[in-house]
Amino acid sequence: MVKLFAVLSRREGMGRAEFLEHWHHHHGPLIADTPELARHLRRYVQHPRASDGPLSGSVDCDGVAEQWFDSLDDFAAFLAEPAYAELIAPDERRFLDMDRVRFVICDEPVVQIGDDA
């Protein structure tokens, strides 16, 4: 299992409420409701920034997307689906500042504190 974590920033001129509305109610369902995309994912979680205040982290970060794949090959297959190029990539440009999006693919975590430590 590998996990993608993408730090997201909204497109310039888009308000927080508009960003969250699009991300939660359009973009997420677009992936979930497109079988040829959803079949590659084990899990897709959206983590919105807690607030606009400084205690919620970097001011240009609006949330983190978490996607679980069985392997890097499954992630590559997700990106290679024609539906990704036709539906997802254009939608990402509608609400994300693609120049500021950062992502990392991680292996299973090493838990230092908690139930699995």
N, C-alpha and C. Protein backbone atom coordinates (compact mmCIF):
# COMPACT_ATOMS: atom_id res chain seq x y z
N MET A 1 0.85 -1.17 0.00
CA MET A 1 0.00 0.00 0.00
C MET A 1 0.89 1.24 0.00
N VAL A 2 0.56 2.20 -0.87
CA VAL A 2 1.22 3.51 -0.86
C VAL A 2 0.13 4.57 -0.70
N LYS A 3 0.53 5.69 -0.13
CA LYS A 3 -0.42 6.78 0.10
C LYS A 3 0.13 8.06 -0.49
N LEU A 4 -0.74 8.74 -1.22
CA LEU A 4 -0.41 10.05 -1.77
C LEU A 4 -0.97 11.10 -0.83
N PHE A 5 -0.14 12.07 -0.47
CA PHE A 5 -0.58 13.24 0.28
C PHE A 5 -0.29 14.45 -0.58
N ALA A 6 -1.33 15.21 -0.92
CA ALA A 6 -1.18 16.40 -1.74
C ALA A 6 -1.60 17.61 -0.94
N VAL A 7 -0.71 18.58 -0.81
CA VAL A 7 -1.01 19.84 -0.14
C VAL A 7 -1.59 20.77 -1.20
N LEU A 8 -2.81 21.23 -0.95
CA LEU A 8 -3.56 21.98 -1.96
C LEU A 8 -3.70 23.45 -1.60
N SER A 9 -3.64 24.27 -2.62
CA SER A 9 -3.89 25.71 -2.49
C SER A 9 -4.92 26.10 -3.54
N ARG A 10 -5.88 26.90 -3.12
CA ARG A 10 -6.95 27.29 -4.05
C ARG A 10 -6.44 28.29 -5.09
N ARG A 11 -7.15 28.31 -6.20
CA ARG A 11 -6.85 29.22 -7.30
C ARG A 11 -7.02 30.66 -6.84
N GLU A 12 -6.20 31.55 -7.35
CA GLU A 12 -6.28 32.97 -7.00
C GLU A 12 -7.66 33.52 -7.33
N GLY A 13 -8.21 34.30 -6.43
CA GLY A 13 -9.52 34.90 -6.62
C GLY A 13 -10.67 34.04 -6.13
N MET A 14 -10.39 32.83 -5.70
CA MET A 14 -11.42 31.93 -5.21
C MET A 14 -11.45 32.00 -3.68
N GLY A 15 -12.62 32.18 -3.12
CA GLY A 15 -12.76 32.22 -1.67
C GLY A 15 -12.72 30.83 -1.06
N ARG A 16 -12.49 30.79 0.25
CA ARG A 16 -12.40 29.52 0.98
C ARG A 16 -13.68 28.70 0.83
N ALA A 17 -14.85 29.34 1.02
CA ALA A 17 -16.11 28.61 0.94
C ALA A 17 -16.33 28.03 -0.45
N GLU A 18 -16.01 28.80 -1.48
CA GLU A 18 -16.16 28.33 -2.86
C GLU A 18 -15.21 27.15 -3.14
N PHE A 19 -13.99 27.27 -2.64
CA PHE A 19 -13.01 26.18 -2.80
C PHE A 19 -13.52 24.90 -2.16
N LEU A 20 -13.94 25.00 -0.90
CA LEU A 20 -14.40 23.81 -0.19
C LEU A 20 -15.65 23.21 -0.83
N GLU A 21 -16.56 24.05 -1.27
CA GLU A 21 -17.77 23.57 -1.95
C GLU A 21 -17.39 22.76 -3.19
N HIS A 22 -16.48 23.29 -3.99
CA HIS A 22 -16.09 22.59 -5.21
C HIS A 22 -15.34 21.30 -4.89
N TRP A 23 -14.40 21.37 -3.97
CA TRP A 23 -13.58 20.21 -3.64
C TRP A 23 -14.44 19.07 -3.08
N HIS A 24 -15.30 19.39 -2.11
CA HIS A 24 -16.11 18.37 -1.44
C HIS A 24 -17.28 17.87 -2.27
N HIS A 25 -17.93 18.76 -3.01
CA HIS A 25 -19.20 18.41 -3.65
C HIS A 25 -19.13 18.24 -5.17
N HIS A 26 -17.98 18.56 -5.76
CA HIS A 26 -17.83 18.33 -7.20
C HIS A 26 -16.62 17.43 -7.48
N HIS A 27 -15.43 17.88 -7.06
CA HIS A 27 -14.21 17.16 -7.41
C HIS A 27 -14.17 15.75 -6.81
N GLY A 28 -14.41 15.66 -5.52
CA GLY A 28 -14.40 14.34 -4.86
C GLY A 28 -15.39 13.38 -5.49
N PRO A 29 -16.67 13.80 -5.61
CA PRO A 29 -17.64 12.91 -6.26
C PRO A 29 -17.30 12.59 -7.71
N LEU A 30 -16.65 13.52 -8.41
CA LEU A 30 -16.25 13.25 -9.80
C LEU A 30 -15.31 12.05 -9.85
N ILE A 31 -14.38 11.98 -8.93
CA ILE A 31 -13.48 10.83 -8.87
C ILE A 31 -14.24 9.58 -8.42
N ALA A 32 -15.00 9.72 -7.33
CA ALA A 32 -15.71 8.57 -6.75
C ALA A 32 -16.74 7.97 -7.70
N ASP A 33 -17.37 8.82 -8.50
CA ASP A 33 -18.45 8.36 -9.39
C ASP A 33 -17.99 8.00 -10.79
N THR A 34 -16.68 8.00 -11.03
CA THR A 34 -16.13 7.60 -12.32
C THR A 34 -15.44 6.25 -12.11
N PRO A 35 -16.13 5.16 -12.44
CA PRO A 35 -15.62 3.82 -12.11
C PRO A 35 -14.20 3.54 -12.59
N GLU A 36 -13.85 4.01 -13.79
CA GLU A 36 -12.51 3.72 -14.29
C GLU A 36 -11.43 4.44 -13.50
N LEU A 37 -11.78 5.45 -12.73
CA LEU A 37 -10.82 6.10 -11.83
C LEU A 37 -10.89 5.50 -10.44
N ALA A 38 -12.09 5.38 -9.92
CA ALA A 38 -12.29 4.90 -8.54
C ALA A 38 -11.73 3.50 -8.33
N ARG A 39 -11.70 2.69 -9.38
CA ARG A 39 -11.23 1.30 -9.22
C ARG A 39 -9.76 1.22 -8.83
N HIS A 40 -9.00 2.28 -9.08
CA HIS A 40 -7.57 2.28 -8.73
C HIS A 40 -7.32 2.69 -7.29
N LEU A 41 -8.29 3.31 -6.66
CA LEU A 41 -8.12 3.86 -5.31
C LEU A 41 -8.69 2.92 -4.26
N ARG A 42 -7.97 2.80 -3.15
CA ARG A 42 -8.49 2.09 -1.99
C ARG A 42 -9.25 3.04 -1.06
N ARG A 43 -8.78 4.29 -1.04
CA ARG A 43 -9.37 5.29 -0.14
C ARG A 43 -9.02 6.68 -0.67
N TYR A 44 -9.95 7.61 -0.50
CA TYR A 44 -9.72 9.01 -0.87
C TYR A 44 -10.31 9.86 0.26
N VAL A 45 -9.46 10.62 0.91
CA VAL A 45 -9.86 11.42 2.07
C VAL A 45 -9.48 12.88 1.80
N GLN A 46 -10.40 13.78 2.10
CA GLN A 46 -10.13 15.21 1.98
C GLN A 46 -10.00 15.80 3.38
N HIS A 47 -8.89 16.46 3.63
CA HIS A 47 -8.62 17.09 4.92
C HIS A 47 -8.61 18.61 4.72
N PRO A 48 -9.73 19.29 4.96
CA PRO A 48 -9.72 20.75 4.80
C PRO A 48 -8.96 21.42 5.94
N ARG A 49 -8.35 22.54 5.63
CA ARG A 49 -7.68 23.36 6.64
C ARG A 49 -8.69 23.71 7.72
N ALA A 50 -8.28 23.65 8.99
CA ALA A 50 -9.20 23.84 10.11
C ALA A 50 -9.82 25.24 10.15
N SER A 51 -9.04 26.25 9.80
CA SER A 51 -9.55 27.63 9.80
C SER A 51 -8.58 28.48 8.99
N ASP A 52 -8.93 29.75 8.83
CA ASP A 52 -8.03 30.67 8.13
C ASP A 52 -6.96 31.24 9.05
N GLY A 53 -7.03 30.94 10.34
CA GLY A 53 -6.10 31.50 11.31
C GLY A 53 -4.71 30.89 11.24
N PRO A 54 -3.71 31.57 11.85
CA PRO A 54 -2.32 31.13 11.78
C PRO A 54 -2.06 29.81 12.51
N LEU A 55 -2.92 29.43 13.45
CA LEU A 55 -2.71 28.16 14.14
C LEU A 55 -3.04 26.96 13.25
N SER A 56 -3.64 27.20 12.10
CA SER A 56 -3.98 26.12 11.17
C SER A 56 -2.89 25.84 10.15
N GLY A 57 -1.74 26.48 10.31
CA GLY A 57 -0.61 26.18 9.42
C GLY A 57 -0.36 27.27 8.40
N SER A 58 0.35 26.90 7.36
CA SER A 58 0.74 27.84 6.31
C SER A 58 -0.50 28.46 5.68
N VAL A 59 -0.48 29.78 5.54
CA VAL A 59 -1.67 30.49 5.08
C VAL A 59 -2.05 30.16 3.64
N ASP A 60 -1.12 29.68 2.84
CA ASP A 60 -1.45 29.36 1.45
C ASP A 60 -1.83 27.89 1.27
N CYS A 61 -2.03 27.17 2.34
CA CYS A 61 -2.47 25.78 2.28
C CYS A 61 -3.94 25.70 2.65
N ASP A 62 -4.77 25.17 1.76
CA ASP A 62 -6.20 25.09 2.00
C ASP A 62 -6.67 23.69 2.38
N GLY A 63 -5.81 22.71 2.23
CA GLY A 63 -6.19 21.36 2.61
C GLY A 63 -5.19 20.34 2.10
N VAL A 64 -5.44 19.11 2.50
CA VAL A 64 -4.59 17.99 2.10
C VAL A 64 -5.49 16.88 1.57
N ALA A 65 -5.18 16.40 0.39
CA ALA A 65 -5.86 15.23 -0.17
C ALA A 65 -5.01 14.00 0.13
N GLU A 66 -5.67 12.95 0.54
CA GLU A 66 -5.01 11.68 0.86
C GLU A 66 -5.65 10.60 -0.01
N GLN A 67 -4.82 9.93 -0.79
CA GLN A 67 -5.31 8.86 -1.65
C GLN A 67 -4.47 7.61 -1.43
N TRP A 68 -5.14 6.48 -1.25
CA TRP A 68 -4.45 5.22 -1.01
C TRP A 68 -4.52 4.36 -2.27
N PHE A 69 -3.38 3.81 -2.64
CA PHE A 69 -3.27 2.90 -3.79
C PHE A 69 -2.57 1.62 -3.33
N ASP A 70 -2.87 0.51 -3.98
CA ASP A 70 -2.19 -0.74 -3.64
C ASP A 70 -0.71 -0.68 -3.97
N SER A 71 -0.36 0.10 -5.01
CA SER A 71 1.04 0.17 -5.43
C SER A 71 1.26 1.44 -6.25
N LEU A 72 2.53 1.74 -6.52
CA LEU A 72 2.86 2.85 -7.41
C LEU A 72 2.32 2.58 -8.82
N ASP A 73 2.28 1.33 -9.21
CA ASP A 73 1.72 0.99 -10.52
C ASP A 73 0.24 1.36 -10.60
N ASP A 74 -0.49 1.16 -9.50
CA ASP A 74 -1.90 1.54 -9.49
C ASP A 74 -2.07 3.06 -9.57
N PHE A 75 -1.17 3.80 -8.93
CA PHE A 75 -1.20 5.26 -9.04
C PHE A 75 -0.93 5.67 -10.49
N ALA A 76 0.07 5.05 -11.11
CA ALA A 76 0.38 5.36 -12.51
C ALA A 76 -0.80 5.01 -13.42
N ALA A 77 -1.47 3.91 -13.14
CA ALA A 77 -2.63 3.51 -13.94
C ALA A 77 -3.78 4.50 -13.77
N PHE A 78 -3.96 5.02 -12.57
CA PHE A 78 -4.98 6.05 -12.30
C PHE A 78 -4.72 7.27 -13.18
N LEU A 79 -3.47 7.74 -13.19
CA LEU A 79 -3.10 8.90 -13.99
C LEU A 79 -3.21 8.64 -15.49
N ALA A 80 -3.01 7.39 -15.89
CA ALA A 80 -3.04 7.04 -17.31
C ALA A 80 -4.45 6.84 -17.87
N GLU A 81 -5.44 6.77 -17.00
CA GLU A 81 -6.81 6.59 -17.48
C GLU A 81 -7.22 7.79 -18.33
N PRO A 82 -7.83 7.56 -19.49
CA PRO A 82 -8.32 8.68 -20.30
C PRO A 82 -9.26 9.61 -19.52
N ALA A 83 -10.03 9.06 -18.60
CA ALA A 83 -10.96 9.87 -17.80
C ALA A 83 -10.21 10.86 -16.92
N TYR A 84 -8.99 10.53 -16.53
CA TYR A 84 -8.20 11.48 -15.73
C TYR A 84 -7.91 12.73 -16.57
N ALA A 85 -7.43 12.53 -17.79
CA ALA A 85 -7.11 13.65 -18.67
C ALA A 85 -8.36 14.42 -19.10
N GLU A 86 -9.45 13.70 -19.29
CA GLU A 86 -10.69 14.33 -19.77
C GLU A 86 -11.47 15.05 -18.67
N LEU A 87 -11.47 14.50 -17.46
CA LEU A 87 -12.32 15.02 -16.39
C LEU A 87 -11.56 15.66 -15.23
N ILE A 88 -10.57 14.95 -14.72
CA ILE A 88 -9.93 15.36 -13.47
C ILE A 88 -8.93 16.49 -13.68
N ALA A 89 -8.02 16.34 -14.62
CA ALA A 89 -7.02 17.39 -14.84
C ALA A 89 -7.66 18.75 -15.13
N PRO A 90 -8.66 18.83 -16.02
CA PRO A 90 -9.30 20.14 -16.24
C PRO A 90 -10.01 20.66 -14.99
N ASP A 91 -10.61 19.76 -14.21
CA ASP A 91 -11.29 20.20 -13.00
C ASP A 91 -10.30 20.71 -11.96
N GLU A 92 -9.15 20.07 -11.85
CA GLU A 92 -8.12 20.54 -10.92
C GLU A 92 -7.75 22.00 -11.23
N ARG A 93 -7.64 22.31 -12.50
CA ARG A 93 -7.28 23.68 -12.89
C ARG A 93 -8.39 24.69 -12.58
N ARG A 94 -9.63 24.22 -12.44
CA ARG A 94 -10.74 25.11 -12.11
C ARG A 94 -10.67 25.65 -10.69
N PHE A 95 -10.10 24.85 -9.76
CA PHE A 95 -10.16 25.30 -8.37
C PHE A 95 -8.82 25.27 -7.64
N LEU A 96 -7.79 24.71 -8.23
CA LEU A 96 -6.48 24.65 -7.59
C LEU A 96 -5.46 25.55 -8.27
N ASP A 97 -4.54 26.06 -7.47
CA ASP A 97 -3.36 26.74 -8.01
C ASP A 97 -2.33 25.65 -8.24
N MET A 98 -2.28 25.14 -9.45
CA MET A 98 -1.46 23.97 -9.76
C MET A 98 0.03 24.21 -9.55
N ASP A 99 0.47 25.47 -9.61
CA ASP A 99 1.87 25.78 -9.36
C ASP A 99 2.26 25.61 -7.90
N ARG A 100 1.27 25.66 -7.01
CA ARG A 100 1.56 25.54 -5.58
C ARG A 100 1.21 24.17 -5.01
N VAL A 101 0.57 23.32 -5.78
CA VAL A 101 0.25 21.97 -5.29
C VAL A 101 1.55 21.20 -5.10
N ARG A 102 1.67 20.56 -3.95
CA ARG A 102 2.82 19.71 -3.65
C ARG A 102 2.29 18.35 -3.24
N PHE A 103 2.98 17.29 -3.66
CA PHE A 103 2.55 15.96 -3.24
C PHE A 103 3.74 15.07 -2.96
N VAL A 104 3.46 14.02 -2.20
CA VAL A 104 4.45 13.01 -1.90
C VAL A 104 3.71 11.67 -1.83
N ILE A 105 4.38 10.62 -2.30
CA ILE A 105 3.86 9.26 -2.19
C ILE A 105 4.66 8.59 -1.08
N CYS A 106 3.94 8.03 -0.10
CA CYS A 106 4.59 7.46 1.08
C CYS A 106 4.31 5.97 1.21
N ASP A 107 5.28 5.26 1.77
CA ASP A 107 5.09 3.88 2.17
C ASP A 107 4.29 3.86 3.47
N GLU A 108 4.08 2.65 4.02
CA GLU A 108 3.38 2.53 5.29
C GLU A 108 4.13 3.33 6.38
N PRO A 109 3.37 3.94 7.29
CA PRO A 109 3.98 4.79 8.30
C PRO A 109 4.71 4.01 9.38
N VAL A 110 5.62 4.68 10.03
CA VAL A 110 6.27 4.18 11.24
C VAL A 110 5.64 4.96 12.38
N VAL A 111 4.85 4.30 13.21
CA VAL A 111 4.11 4.98 14.27
C VAL A 111 5.00 5.08 15.51
N GLN A 112 5.19 6.29 16.00
CA GLN A 112 6.02 6.56 17.16
C GLN A 112 5.20 6.69 18.43
N ILE A 113 4.00 7.24 18.33
CA ILE A 113 3.10 7.40 19.47
C ILE A 113 1.72 6.97 19.00
N GLY A 114 1.02 6.20 19.80
CA GLY A 114 -0.33 5.76 19.44
C GLY A 114 -0.49 4.27 19.56
N ASP A 115 -1.65 3.79 19.16
CA ASP A 115 -2.01 2.38 19.33
C ASP A 115 -1.07 1.43 18.61
N ASP A 116 -0.54 1.85 17.47
CA ASP A 116 0.30 0.96 16.67
C ASP A 116 1.80 1.11 16.97
N ALA A 117 2.16 1.91 17.99
CA ALA A 117 3.58 2.15 18.29
C ALA A 117 4.24 0.92 18.87
